[in-house]
All heavy atoms as atom14 arrays in JSON, in Angstrom:
{
  "sequence": "IMGWYRQAPGKQRELVATISTGGRTNYADSVTGRFIISRDNAKNT",
  "atom14_mask": [
    [1, 1, 1, 1, 1, 1, 1, 1, 0, 0, 0, 0, 0, 0],
    [1, 1, 1, 1, 1, 1, 1, 1, 0, 0, 0, 0, 0, 0],
    [1, 1, 1, 1, 0, 0, 0, 0, 0, 0, 0, 0, 0, 0],
    [1, 1, 1, 1, 1, 1, 1, 1, 1, 1, 1, 1, 1, 1],
    [1, 1, 1, 1, 1, 1, 1, 1, 1, 1, 1, 1, 0, 0],
    [1, 1, 1, 1, 1, 1, 1, 1, 1, 1, 1, 0, 0, 0],
    [1, 1, 1, 1, 1, 1, 1, 1, 1, 0, 0, 0, 0, 0],
    [1, 1, 1, 1, 1, 0, 0, 0, 0, 0, 0, 0, 0, 0],
    [1, 1, 1, 1, 1, 1, 1, 0, 0, 0, 0, 0, 0, 0],
    [1, 1, 1, 1, 0, 0, 0, 0, 0, 0, 0, 0, 0, 0],
    [1, 1, 1, 1, 1, 1, 1, 1, 1, 0, 0, 0, 0, 0],
    [1, 1, 1, 1, 1, 1, 1, 1, 1, 0, 0, 0, 0, 0],
    [1, 1, 1, 1, 1, 1, 1, 1, 1, 1, 1, 0, 0, 0],
    [1, 1, 1, 1, 1, 1, 1, 1, 1, 0, 0, 0, 0, 0],
    [1, 1, 1, 1, 1, 1, 1, 1, 0, 0, 0, 0, 0, 0],
    [1, 1, 1, 1, 1, 1, 1, 0, 0, 0, 0, 0, 0, 0],
    [1, 1, 1, 1, 1, 0, 0, 0, 0, 0, 0, 0, 0, 0],
    [1, 1, 1, 1, 1, 1, 1, 0, 0, 0, 0, 0, 0, 0],
    [1, 1, 1, 1, 1, 1, 1, 1, 0, 0, 0, 0, 0, 0],
    [1, 1, 1, 1, 1, 1, 0, 0, 0, 0, 0, 0, 0, 0],
    [1, 1, 1, 1, 1, 1, 1, 0, 0, 0, 0, 0, 0, 0],
    [1, 1, 1, 1, 0, 0, 0, 0, 0, 0, 0, 0, 0, 0],
    [1, 1, 1, 1, 0, 0, 0, 0, 0, 0, 0, 0, 0, 0],
    [1, 1, 1, 1, 1, 1, 1, 1, 1, 1, 1, 0, 0, 0],
    [1, 1, 1, 1, 1, 1, 1, 0, 0, 0, 0, 0, 0, 0],
    [1, 1, 1, 1, 1, 1, 1, 1, 0, 0, 0, 0, 0, 0],
    [1, 1, 1, 1, 1, 1, 1, 1, 1, 1, 1, 1, 0, 0],
    [1, 1, 1, 1, 1, 0, 0, 0, 0, 0, 0, 0, 0, 0],
    [1, 1, 1, 1, 1, 1, 1, 1, 0, 0, 0, 0, 0, 0],
    [1, 1, 1, 1, 1, 1, 0, 0, 0, 0, 0, 0, 0, 0],
    [1, 1, 1, 1, 1, 1, 1, 0, 0, 0, 0, 0, 0, 0],
    [1, 1, 1, 1, 1, 1, 1, 0, 0, 0, 0, 0, 0, 0],
    [1, 1, 1, 1, 0, 0, 0, 0, 0, 0, 0, 0, 0, 0],
    [1, 1, 1, 1, 1, 1, 1, 1, 1, 1, 1, 0, 0, 0],
    [1, 1, 1, 1, 1, 1, 1, 1, 1, 1, 1, 0, 0, 0],
    [1, 1, 1, 1, 1, 1, 1, 1, 0, 0, 0, 0, 0, 0],
    [1, 1, 1, 1, 1, 1, 1, 1, 0, 0, 0, 0, 0, 0],
    [1, 1, 1, 1, 1, 1, 0, 0, 0, 0, 0, 0, 0, 0],
    [1, 1, 1, 1, 1, 1, 1, 1, 1, 1, 1, 0, 0, 0],
    [1, 1, 1, 1, 1, 1, 1, 1, 0, 0, 0, 0, 0, 0],
    [1, 1, 1, 1, 1, 1, 1, 1, 0, 0, 0, 0, 0, 0],
    [1, 1, 1, 1, 1, 0, 0, 0, 0, 0, 0, 0, 0, 0],
    [1, 1, 1, 1, 1, 1, 1, 1, 1, 0, 0, 0, 0, 0],
    [1, 1, 1, 1, 1, 1, 1, 1, 0, 0, 0, 0, 0, 0],
    [1, 1, 1, 1, 1, 1, 1, 0, 0, 0, 0, 0, 0, 0]
  ],
  "atom14_positions": [
    [[0.87, -1.17, 0.0], [0.0, 0.0, 0.0], [0.91, 1.22, 0.0], [1.83, 1.32, 0.81], [-0.91, 0.02, 1.24], [-1.87, -1.18, 1.21], [-1.68, 1.32, 1.34], [-2.65, -1.36, 2.48], [0.0, 0.0, 0.0], [0.0, 0.0, 0.0], [0.0, 0.0, 0.0], [0.0, 0.0, 0.0], [0.0, 0.0, 0.0], [0.0, 0.0, 0.0]],
    [[0.64, 2.14, -0.91], [1.44, 3.36, -1.01], [0.66, 4.52, -0.42], [-0.58, 4.58, -0.53], [1.8, 3.65, -2.47], [2.57, 2.53, -3.15], [4.16, 2.17, -2.36], [5.02, 3.74, -2.59], [0.0, 0.0, 0.0], [0.0, 0.0, 0.0], [0.0, 0.0, 0.0], [0.0, 0.0, 0.0], [0.0, 0.0, 0.0], [0.0, 0.0, 0.0]],
    [[1.38, 5.46, 0.16], [0.68, 6.58, 0.77], [1.55, 7.8, 0.94], [2.76, 7.77, 0.68], [0.0, 0.0, 0.0], [0.0, 0.0, 0.0], [0.0, 0.0, 0.0], [0.0, 0.0, 0.0], [0.0, 0.0, 0.0], [0.0, 0.0, 0.0], [0.0, 0.0, 0.0], [0.0, 0.0, 0.0], [0.0, 0.0, 0.0], [0.0, 0.0, 0.0]],
    [[0.9, 8.86, 1.32], [1.56, 10.13, 1.63], [1.15, 10.54, 3.04], [-0.03, 10.47, 3.41], [1.17, 11.22, 0.64], [1.69, 11.01, -0.74], [1.06, 10.39, -1.78], [2.98, 11.41, -1.22], [1.87, 10.38, -2.88], [3.06, 11.01, -2.57], [4.07, 12.07, -0.66], [4.18, 11.24, -3.36], [5.18, 12.31, -1.44], [5.23, 11.9, -2.78]],
    [[2.15, 10.97, 3.8], [1.94, 11.52, 5.12], [2.59, 12.9, 5.15], [3.39, 13.23, 4.26], [2.59, 10.63, 6.19], [1.87, 9.33, 6.41], [1.9, 8.31, 5.44], [1.17, 9.09, 7.58], [1.24, 7.12, 5.65], [0.51, 7.89, 7.79], [0.55, 6.91, 6.83], [-0.12, 5.72, 7.02], [0.0, 0.0, 0.0], [0.0, 0.0, 0.0]],
    [[2.25, 13.69, 6.15], [2.88, 15.0, 6.28], [3.1, 15.32, 7.75], [2.41, 14.82, 8.63], [2.05, 16.07, 5.6], [0.71, 16.35, 6.27], [-0.1, 17.34, 5.44], [-1.39, 17.65, 6.05], [-2.33, 18.38, 5.47], [-2.13, 18.89, 4.25], [-3.47, 18.62, 6.1], [0.0, 0.0, 0.0], [0.0, 0.0, 0.0], [0.0, 0.0, 0.0]],
    [[4.08, 16.19, 7.96], [4.39, 16.63, 9.31], [4.68, 18.12, 9.29], [5.64, 18.56, 8.65], [5.58, 15.86, 9.89], [5.83, 16.16, 11.35], [6.79, 15.18, 11.98], [7.53, 14.45, 11.3], [6.79, 15.1, 13.31], [0.0, 0.0, 0.0], [0.0, 0.0, 0.0], [0.0, 0.0, 0.0], [0.0, 0.0, 0.0], [0.0, 0.0, 0.0]],
    [[3.83, 18.86, 9.98], [4.01, 20.3, 10.1], [4.86, 20.58, 11.34], [4.93, 19.77, 12.25], [2.66, 20.98, 10.21], [0.0, 0.0, 0.0], [0.0, 0.0, 0.0], [0.0, 0.0, 0.0], [0.0, 0.0, 0.0], [0.0, 0.0, 0.0], [0.0, 0.0, 0.0], [0.0, 0.0, 0.0], [0.0, 0.0, 0.0], [0.0, 0.0, 0.0]],
    [[5.5, 21.75, 11.39], [6.34, 22.09, 12.55], [5.55, 22.0, 13.85], [4.45, 22.56, 13.96], [6.77, 23.52, 12.25], [6.71, 23.63, 10.77], [5.56, 22.79, 10.34], [0.0, 0.0, 0.0], [0.0, 0.0, 0.0], [0.0, 0.0, 0.0], [0.0, 0.0, 0.0], [0.0, 0.0, 0.0], [0.0, 0.0, 0.0], [0.0, 0.0, 0.0]],
    [[6.1, 21.29, 14.82], [5.47, 21.17, 16.12], [4.31, 20.21, 16.19], [3.64, 20.13, 17.22], [0.0, 0.0, 0.0], [0.0, 0.0, 0.0], [0.0, 0.0, 0.0], [0.0, 0.0, 0.0], [0.0, 0.0, 0.0], [0.0, 0.0, 0.0], [0.0, 0.0, 0.0], [0.0, 0.0, 0.0], [0.0, 0.0, 0.0], [0.0, 0.0, 0.0]],
    [[4.05, 19.5, 15.1], [2.91, 18.58, 15.07], [3.37, 17.17, 14.75], [4.46, 16.95, 14.24], [1.87, 19.03, 14.05], [1.22, 20.37, 14.38], [0.09, 20.68, 13.42], [-0.62, 21.96, 13.8], [-1.75, 22.25, 12.87], [0.0, 0.0, 0.0], [0.0, 0.0, 0.0], [0.0, 0.0, 0.0], [0.0, 0.0, 0.0], [0.0, 0.0, 0.0]],
    [[2.51, 16.2, 15.04], [2.82, 14.82, 14.72], [2.6, 14.55, 13.24], [1.82, 15.22, 12.56], [1.92, 13.89, 15.55], [2.25, 13.88, 17.03], [1.47, 12.82, 17.79], [0.38, 12.43, 17.37], [2.03, 12.34, 18.89], [0.0, 0.0, 0.0], [0.0, 0.0, 0.0], [0.0, 0.0, 0.0], [0.0, 0.0, 0.0], [0.0, 0.0, 0.0]],
    [[3.29, 13.54, 12.76], [3.1, 13.12, 11.38], [1.68, 12.57, 11.23], [1.2, 11.82, 12.08], [4.13, 12.05, 11.0], [4.18, 11.73, 9.53], [5.34, 10.81, 9.19], [6.63, 11.43, 9.51], [7.8, 10.89, 9.18], [7.84, 9.73, 8.54], [8.92, 11.49, 9.53], [0.0, 0.0, 0.0], [0.0, 0.0, 0.0], [0.0, 0.0, 0.0]],
    [[1.03, 12.94, 10.13], [-0.36, 12.52, 9.93], [-0.56, 11.98, 8.53], [0.13, 12.36, 7.58], [-1.31, 13.7, 10.15], [-1.14, 14.85, 9.18], [-2.15, 15.97, 9.39], [-2.92, 15.92, 10.36], [-2.17, 16.91, 8.55], [0.0, 0.0, 0.0], [0.0, 0.0, 0.0], [0.0, 0.0, 0.0], [0.0, 0.0, 0.0], [0.0, 0.0, 0.0]],
    [[-1.55, 11.12, 8.43], [-1.91, 10.54, 7.14], [-2.52, 11.61, 6.24], [-3.35, 12.41, 6.67], [-2.93, 9.42, 7.35], [-3.59, 8.87, 6.09], [-2.61, 8.04, 5.31], [-4.82, 8.06, 6.45], [0.0, 0.0, 0.0], [0.0, 0.0, 0.0], [0.0, 0.0, 0.0], [0.0, 0.0, 0.0], [0.0, 0.0, 0.0], [0.0, 0.0, 0.0]],
    [[-2.12, 11.58, 4.97], [-2.75, 12.44, 3.96], [-3.64, 11.58, 3.06], [-4.83, 11.85, 2.9], [-1.69, 13.17, 3.11], [-2.37, 13.98, 2.01], [-0.84, 14.08, 3.99], [0.0, 0.0, 0.0], [0.0, 0.0, 0.0], [0.0, 0.0, 0.0], [0.0, 0.0, 0.0], [0.0, 0.0, 0.0], [0.0, 0.0, 0.0], [0.0, 0.0, 0.0]],
    [[-3.04, 10.54, 2.47], [-3.81, 9.69, 1.57], [-3.07, 8.38, 1.35], [-1.84, 8.33, 1.46], [-4.03, 10.38, 0.22], [0.0, 0.0, 0.0], [0.0, 0.0, 0.0], [0.0, 0.0, 0.0], [0.0, 0.0, 0.0], [0.0, 0.0, 0.0], [0.0, 0.0, 0.0], [0.0, 0.0, 0.0], [0.0, 0.0, 0.0], [0.0, 0.0, 0.0]],
    [[-3.82, 7.32, 1.07], [-3.23, 6.04, 0.72], [-3.93, 5.47, -0.5], [-5.07, 5.84, -0.82], [-3.33, 5.02, 1.85], [-4.72, 4.78, 2.14], [-2.62, 5.49, 3.1], [0.0, 0.0, 0.0], [0.0, 0.0, 0.0], [0.0, 0.0, 0.0], [0.0, 0.0, 0.0], [0.0, 0.0, 0.0], [0.0, 0.0, 0.0], [0.0, 0.0, 0.0]],
    [[-3.23, 4.56, -1.18], [-3.81, 3.87, -2.33], [-3.32, 2.42, -2.31], [-2.13, 2.16, -2.16], [-3.46, 4.6, -3.64], [-4.18, 3.93, -4.82], [-1.95, 4.68, -3.86], [-4.14, 4.78, -6.09], [0.0, 0.0, 0.0], [0.0, 0.0, 0.0], [0.0, 0.0, 0.0], [0.0, 0.0, 0.0], [0.0, 0.0, 0.0], [0.0, 0.0, 0.0]],
    [[-4.25, 1.5, -2.46], [-3.91, 0.08, -2.44], [-3.39, -0.36, -3.8], [-3.41, 0.39, -4.79], [-5.14, -0.74, -2.07], [-6.08, -0.71, -3.15], [0.0, 0.0, 0.0], [0.0, 0.0, 0.0], [0.0, 0.0, 0.0], [0.0, 0.0, 0.0], [0.0, 0.0, 0.0], [0.0, 0.0, 0.0], [0.0, 0.0, 0.0], [0.0, 0.0, 0.0]],
    [[-2.94, -1.58, -3.86], [-2.45, -2.11, -5.14], [-3.57, -2.16, -6.18], [-3.31, -2.06, -7.37], [-1.87, -3.51, -4.96], [-2.86, -4.34, -4.34], [-0.63, -3.49, -4.07], [0.0, 0.0, 0.0], [0.0, 0.0, 0.0], [0.0, 0.0, 0.0], [0.0, 0.0, 0.0], [0.0, 0.0, 0.0], [0.0, 0.0, 0.0], [0.0, 0.0, 0.0]],
    [[-4.79, -2.29, -5.71], [-5.93, -2.32, -6.62], [-6.52, -0.97, -6.93], [-7.51, -0.88, -7.67], [0.0, 0.0, 0.0], [0.0, 0.0, 0.0], [0.0, 0.0, 0.0], [0.0, 0.0, 0.0], [0.0, 0.0, 0.0], [0.0, 0.0, 0.0], [0.0, 0.0, 0.0], [0.0, 0.0, 0.0], [0.0, 0.0, 0.0], [0.0, 0.0, 0.0]],
    [[-5.94, 0.09, -6.35], [-6.4, 1.44, -6.65], [-7.4, 2.02, -5.67], [-7.92, 3.12, -5.88], [0.0, 0.0, 0.0], [0.0, 0.0, 0.0], [0.0, 0.0, 0.0], [0.0, 0.0, 0.0], [0.0, 0.0, 0.0], [0.0, 0.0, 0.0], [0.0, 0.0, 0.0], [0.0, 0.0, 0.0], [0.0, 0.0, 0.0], [0.0, 0.0, 0.0]],
    [[-7.68, 1.3, -4.58], [-8.61, 1.84, -3.59], [-7.92, 2.95, -2.83], [-6.8, 2.78, -2.34], [-9.06, 0.74, -2.63], [-10.08, 1.2, -1.6], [-10.59, 0.02, -0.79], [-11.59, 0.45, 0.19], [-12.27, -0.39, 0.98], [-12.06, -1.69, 0.88], [-13.14, 0.08, 1.82], [0.0, 0.0, 0.0], [0.0, 0.0, 0.0], [0.0, 0.0, 0.0]],
    [[-8.6, 4.08, -2.69], [-8.0, 5.26, -2.07], [-8.65, 5.61, -0.74], [-9.8, 5.28, -0.48], [-8.09, 6.48, -3.0], [-9.47, 6.73, -3.3], [-7.32, 6.24, -4.29], [0.0, 0.0, 0.0], [0.0, 0.0, 0.0], [0.0, 0.0, 0.0], [0.0, 0.0, 0.0], [0.0, 0.0, 0.0], [0.0, 0.0, 0.0], [0.0, 0.0, 0.0]],
    [[-7.86, 6.3, 0.08], [-8.33, 6.76, 1.38], [-7.69, 8.12, 1.63], [-6.49, 8.3, 1.36], [-7.92, 5.77, 2.47], [-8.34, 6.23, 3.84], [-9.5, 6.5, 4.09], [-7.38, 6.35, 4.75], [0.0, 0.0, 0.0], [0.0, 0.0, 0.0], [0.0, 0.0, 0.0], [0.0, 0.0, 0.0], [0.0, 0.0, 0.0], [0.0, 0.0, 0.0]],
    [[-8.49, 9.08, 2.13], [-7.99, 10.44, 2.32], [-8.31, 10.94, 3.73], [-9.33, 10.6, 4.32], [-8.65, 11.4, 1.33], [-8.33, 11.14, -0.11], [-9.15, 10.35, -0.9], [-7.19, 11.7, -0.69], [-8.85, 10.12, -2.23], [-6.89, 11.48, -2.03], [-7.72, 10.68, -2.79], [-7.42, 10.45, -4.11], [0.0, 0.0, 0.0], [0.0, 0.0, 0.0]],
    [[-7.44, 11.79, 4.22], [-7.75, 12.53, 5.43], [-8.88, 13.51, 5.12], [-8.98, 14.03, 4.01], [-6.52, 13.3, 5.91], [0.0, 0.0, 0.0], [0.0, 0.0, 0.0], [0.0, 0.0, 0.0], [0.0, 0.0, 0.0], [0.0, 0.0, 0.0], [0.0, 0.0, 0.0], [0.0, 0.0, 0.0], [0.0, 0.0, 0.0], [0.0, 0.0, 0.0]],
    [[-9.71, 13.77, 6.13], [-10.83, 14.69, 5.92], [-10.37, 16.06, 5.46], [-11.04, 16.72, 4.65], [-11.63, 14.83, 7.22], [-12.41, 13.57, 7.57], [-12.58, 12.71, 6.68], [-12.82, 13.45, 8.73], [0.0, 0.0, 0.0], [0.0, 0.0, 0.0], [0.0, 0.0, 0.0], [0.0, 0.0, 0.0], [0.0, 0.0, 0.0], [0.0, 0.0, 0.0]],
    [[-9.21, 16.48, 5.94], [-8.73, 17.82, 5.66], [-8.33, 18.02, 4.2], [-8.21, 19.17, 3.75], [-7.53, 18.15, 6.55], [-6.49, 17.21, 6.34], [0.0, 0.0, 0.0], [0.0, 0.0, 0.0], [0.0, 0.0, 0.0], [0.0, 0.0, 0.0], [0.0, 0.0, 0.0], [0.0, 0.0, 0.0], [0.0, 0.0, 0.0], [0.0, 0.0, 0.0]],
    [[-8.12, 16.94, 3.46], [-7.69, 17.08, 2.06], [-8.7, 16.5, 1.07], [-8.53, 16.65, -0.14], [-6.31, 16.42, 1.83], [-5.28, 16.95, 2.82], [-6.4, 14.89, 1.9], [0.0, 0.0, 0.0], [0.0, 0.0, 0.0], [0.0, 0.0, 0.0], [0.0, 0.0, 0.0], [0.0, 0.0, 0.0], [0.0, 0.0, 0.0], [0.0, 0.0, 0.0]],
    [[-9.73, 15.87, 1.58], [-10.75, 15.28, 0.7], [-11.36, 16.35, -0.2], [-11.75, 17.42, 0.27], [-11.84, 14.61, 1.53], [-11.27, 13.54, 2.29], [-12.93, 14.03, 0.64], [0.0, 0.0, 0.0], [0.0, 0.0, 0.0], [0.0, 0.0, 0.0], [0.0, 0.0, 0.0], [0.0, 0.0, 0.0], [0.0, 0.0, 0.0], [0.0, 0.0, 0.0]],
    [[-11.41, 16.03, -1.48], [-11.95, 16.97, -2.46], [-10.91, 17.91, -3.04], [-11.19, 18.6, -4.03], [0.0, 0.0, 0.0], [0.0, 0.0, 0.0], [0.0, 0.0, 0.0], [0.0, 0.0, 0.0], [0.0, 0.0, 0.0], [0.0, 0.0, 0.0], [0.0, 0.0, 0.0], [0.0, 0.0, 0.0], [0.0, 0.0, 0.0], [0.0, 0.0, 0.0]],
    [[-9.73, 17.95, -2.44], [-8.66, 18.84, -2.93], [-7.45, 18.06, -3.44], [-6.8, 18.49, -4.39], [-8.21, 19.79, -1.83], [-9.3, 20.69, -1.29], [-8.74, 21.74, -0.34], [-8.12, 21.16, 0.85], [-6.85, 21.37, 1.2], [-6.07, 22.14, 0.46], [-6.37, 20.8, 2.31], [0.0, 0.0, 0.0], [0.0, 0.0, 0.0], [0.0, 0.0, 0.0]],
    [[-7.14, 16.95, -2.81], [-5.96, 16.14, -3.17], [-6.42, 14.86, -3.85], [-7.46, 14.3, -3.52], [-5.15, 15.78, -1.94], [-4.44, 16.92, -1.26], [-4.68, 18.24, -1.61], [-3.5, 16.67, -0.28], [-4.03, 19.29, -0.98], [-2.83, 17.69, 0.36], [-3.1, 19.01, 0.01], [0.0, 0.0, 0.0], [0.0, 0.0, 0.0], [0.0, 0.0, 0.0]],
    [[-5.59, 14.39, -4.78], [-5.86, 13.13, -5.45], [-4.6, 12.29, -5.46], [-3.56, 12.74, -5.94], [-6.34, 13.35, -6.89], [-7.62, 14.19, -6.92], [-6.57, 12.01, -7.59], [-8.04, 14.62, -8.31], [0.0, 0.0, 0.0], [0.0, 0.0, 0.0], [0.0, 0.0, 0.0], [0.0, 0.0, 0.0], [0.0, 0.0, 0.0], [0.0, 0.0, 0.0]],
    [[-4.71, 11.07, -4.95], [-3.58, 10.14, -4.99], [-3.8, 9.15, -6.13], [-4.93, 8.72, -6.38], [-3.41, 9.4, -3.64], [-2.11, 8.6, -3.61], [-4.62, 8.53, -3.32], [-1.76, 8.05, -2.23], [0.0, 0.0, 0.0], [0.0, 0.0, 0.0], [0.0, 0.0, 0.0], [0.0, 0.0, 0.0], [0.0, 0.0, 0.0], [0.0, 0.0, 0.0]],
    [[-2.72, 8.82, -6.81], [-2.81, 7.87, -7.91], [-1.5, 7.11, -8.01], [-0.5, 7.51, -7.43], [-3.13, 8.58, -9.23], [-2.11, 9.5, -9.56], [0.0, 0.0, 0.0], [0.0, 0.0, 0.0], [0.0, 0.0, 0.0], [0.0, 0.0, 0.0], [0.0, 0.0, 0.0], [0.0, 0.0, 0.0], [0.0, 0.0, 0.0], [0.0, 0.0, 0.0]],
    [[-1.53, 6.01, -8.74], [-0.31, 5.23, -8.91], [-0.2, 4.75, -10.35], [-1.22, 4.43, -10.98], [-0.25, 4.05, -7.93], [-1.35, 3.04, -8.05], [-1.37, 2.1, -6.84], [-0.18, 1.28, -6.76], [0.22, 0.64, -5.66], [-0.48, 0.76, -4.54], [1.31, -0.11, -5.66], [0.0, 0.0, 0.0], [0.0, 0.0, 0.0], [0.0, 0.0, 0.0]],
    [[1.02, 4.73, -10.84], [1.33, 4.22, -12.17], [2.17, 2.98, -11.97], [3.37, 3.07, -11.7], [2.07, 5.28, -12.98], [2.29, 4.86, -14.43], [2.35, 3.63, -14.7], [2.42, 5.74, -15.28], [0.0, 0.0, 0.0], [0.0, 0.0, 0.0], [0.0, 0.0, 0.0], [0.0, 0.0, 0.0], [0.0, 0.0, 0.0], [0.0, 0.0, 0.0]],
    [[1.54, 1.83, -12.1], [2.25, 0.58, -11.82], [3.37, 0.31, -12.82], [4.36, -0.34, -12.48], [1.26, -0.58, -11.81], [0.3, -0.49, -10.64], [0.62, 0.05, -9.58], [-0.9, -1.01, -10.82], [0.0, 0.0, 0.0], [0.0, 0.0, 0.0], [0.0, 0.0, 0.0], [0.0, 0.0, 0.0], [0.0, 0.0, 0.0], [0.0, 0.0, 0.0]],
    [[3.23, 0.82, -14.03], [4.27, 0.61, -15.04], [5.54, 1.38, -14.7], [6.64, 0.98, -15.09], [3.76, 1.01, -16.41], [0.0, 0.0, 0.0], [0.0, 0.0, 0.0], [0.0, 0.0, 0.0], [0.0, 0.0, 0.0], [0.0, 0.0, 0.0], [0.0, 0.0, 0.0], [0.0, 0.0, 0.0], [0.0, 0.0, 0.0], [0.0, 0.0, 0.0]],
    [[5.36, 2.49, -13.97], [6.52, 3.33, -13.62], [6.92, 3.19, -12.15], [7.82, 3.89, -11.7], [6.2, 4.8, -13.92], [5.97, 5.09, -15.39], [5.7, 6.57, -15.62], [5.52, 6.89, -17.1], [5.24, 8.33, -17.33], [0.0, 0.0, 0.0], [0.0, 0.0, 0.0], [0.0, 0.0, 0.0], [0.0, 0.0, 0.0], [0.0, 0.0, 0.0]],
    [[6.21, 2.32, -11.41], [6.5, 2.16, -9.98], [6.47, 3.49, -9.25], [7.32, 3.78, -8.39], [7.86, 1.48, -9.77], [7.91, 0.1, -10.36], [6.9, -0.61, -10.41], [9.08, -0.28, -10.85], [0.0, 0.0, 0.0], [0.0, 0.0, 0.0], [0.0, 0.0, 0.0], [0.0, 0.0, 0.0], [0.0, 0.0, 0.0], [0.0, 0.0, 0.0]],
    [[5.49, 4.31, -9.58], [5.43, 5.67, -9.06], [4.04, 5.97, -8.51], [3.03, 5.59, -9.13], [5.8, 6.69, -10.15], [7.13, 6.42, -10.62], [5.75, 8.11, -9.61], [0.0, 0.0, 0.0], [0.0, 0.0, 0.0], [0.0, 0.0, 0.0], [0.0, 0.0, 0.0], [0.0, 0.0, 0.0], [0.0, 0.0, 0.0], [0.0, 0.0, 0.0]]
  ]
}
């Protein structure tokens, strides 16, 4: 499962978004509707 996390100064690291091998996505409430996670399996990216 691939994902993005973030850490702001003075704060704990938090989940931003994840994507499974099958393309299922999950987002933090704070970024839903603004951020999009995707994966290109051919490029391992």
